[in-house]
Amino acid sequence: MLKKSKVPQSRRAEIMGLFQMYAEGLTTLPASALLKFLHKTQMQHAANIDTAESLIDKYEIEKAAIESRSMTFEGFLRYMESKDCCLFQQTHTSVYQDMGQPLNSYFISSSHNTYLTGDQLVGRSHLDAYVSALRKGCRCLEIDCWDGPDMEPVVYHGYTLTTKILFKDVIATVAQHAFEVSAFPIILSLENHCCREQQEVMAQHLISILGDKLLKSPLDHPTSGDLPSPNDLKYKILIKNKKLRSQIKADNKTEAEESADEGEDGDEDEEYDEDEEDEDEGHQSKAKFWSPRKAGSKKKMKKKVKVAQALSDLVIYARSVKFISFSHSKDNQNCYENTSIAEKKARKLIKASGPDFVQHNRKFLSRIYPAGSRTSSSNYNPQEFWNVGAQIVALNFQSLGLPMDLNDGRFRDNGGCGYTLKPAVLMSSERSFDPNSRHHHLKATHLLLKVISGSNLPLPKSGKALDPFVRVEIHGIPSDSHNRNTHTVKNNSLSPHWDTDMNFSISVPELCLVRFCVRDQTTLFRSEFVGQYTLPFTSLKKGYRWVPLQSRDGCSLDPASLFVLVWHS
């Protein structure tokens, strides 16, 4: 597949220099010389003469060159501007990872308040938000359920002015679009505030609308106590919610704990305190709308509603339980139970006991969600929670910027299926891993990036040519996270040339994301976003590569791109 773009003269000149270096005075590049280029410069050590000849057949159009098994400069240019020379490893555009591991072995693309198209105070709820998230590969969707008129549950952000949509319409939308881009399972994370009668209605809708897609009973397969795999659960939809204690084997929990388990996802009536947040996020915004006069009404809300039997029956591998401590989870939590932790509490746990958090996430699914104080639906940096192996790191998909760029980059891998296998460093039972440590007893990887040039950068609305520079960011564990900038090129959007070397030392590359961000230097101390591209370090191709740029909302800015040289050891 060719990359269609207008190639600036500067890049043509750079590629011509490479062509002439390997052609060694000849007018065409013989297959043997092309193979030498693949080995020495592109670091494609598995390439052989058949590889070189297949590239000639693919990109050369001059018959005489094809017959002589060589490549003209124009053919070489087509090759260098093709997907074969994209920075992103093309084999990673398909599912290539082992999808037979238990669910807790994967990072899972997850959204928060999926129904919202704006902020969580007055934003609009819309079915299109579910469609958009699913088409981006999201595999864990959140549904906030509340009692609605005429016994029809509604979805919105409770105690706010966000608009409402019908629960049954959300489920119908999910059913229609669930497996358009990925065959792997979807988790519907229910934040359930409905009375028992309307929960019965919810269960009826889930069963009747989802049909065979809904997982209604445990799989009949040997698991040795582990969760099933994404392969086991292909084309299935799982319900994440509380489950009635009576349906679960007795595990010596106290009556108080049992009561907490059977209640809703947290205390609806508790005062707003981020440090005490639990699975329930509904109360987060409520405090902002309450006045002291209304505080007395808390007593009327004191009674909890238990999960309806019909809804409880649909919770199979994703039973929500309250997080108490890592030691409590180790002694009491089952593999099919998961916890939800607010970002501030999760951050404190990482700081206080990072290795314990990693070990916890080896066994159990953890969901992290944004603080209730993020009323504008802003996002945290998901990397800090991936660093401890949290699988379900939920983001507001409607809020654009760095966090969503990182999420898109993380899940660009493995065919964009919404599941990526966690690296071995997070899954080892033999070695303790602390993401906050600077000493990992691992040989550092040295990454050299030369940012050479840009091509066809998009003009701002003013039409004025850019003063562009490139920032390269490494996002990983704290000691690996760094960024470097090129210098600024004045008044050049078509073909800015930087030729800037950047060196990075990375101790845990398998956790790292690399983000290329082009910015326009508008004043001495201010710059504006132009385009970006984020990908996992493990998906980087070595050699001379072009970097496709994307807009703030993740759309292609083709033919805008960067030209870089990548080397690491």
Foldseek 3Di string as FASTA:
>chain_A
DWFDADDDPVVLVVLVVVQCVQCVPDQWHALVSVVVCCVPFQVPVVDDSVNSLVLCVVQADDPVQNVRRTHGSNSSVRCQRGPVFAQFFPVQLAFDDDQFDFPLQWFFAAADLQQFLWFQAATEGDLVSVLVCVVLQHQEYEFEWEQDPPLFIWTGQALHNYDIDTLLVNLLSCLVRVPVQAQFHHEYEYQDDYAQSSLVVNLVSNCVRNPPQADQEDDPDDDVQAHGGRVVNGSHYAYAFQAQPVVDPDDPDDPVQNVQSFFGQDFLLDAADQLPDWRHLSNLCNNVNDDPVCNVCSVVSRDTHGHHNSNNSRHYQRHEGTDDDLVCCVRGNGLSYETEHEPVNVVVCLVVPLLSLLVSSLRHAYEYDYGSVPRRQQFDQCQVVVQSSHRHDHGHLSDFDDNVLQSSQEQSGSSSNRIDGRDVQSNDPVDGDRLQDPDDVAAWKKKKKFFFKKAQFDDPPVNFAFFKKKKKWKRHRPVQTDIDIFHTHPRDNGIGTGRDMDMGIGRCQQSIKIKIWMWGCPDPPDIHGRWMHIHRSVRGGARWHKHFTADRSGHTPPPIITIMGIDMD
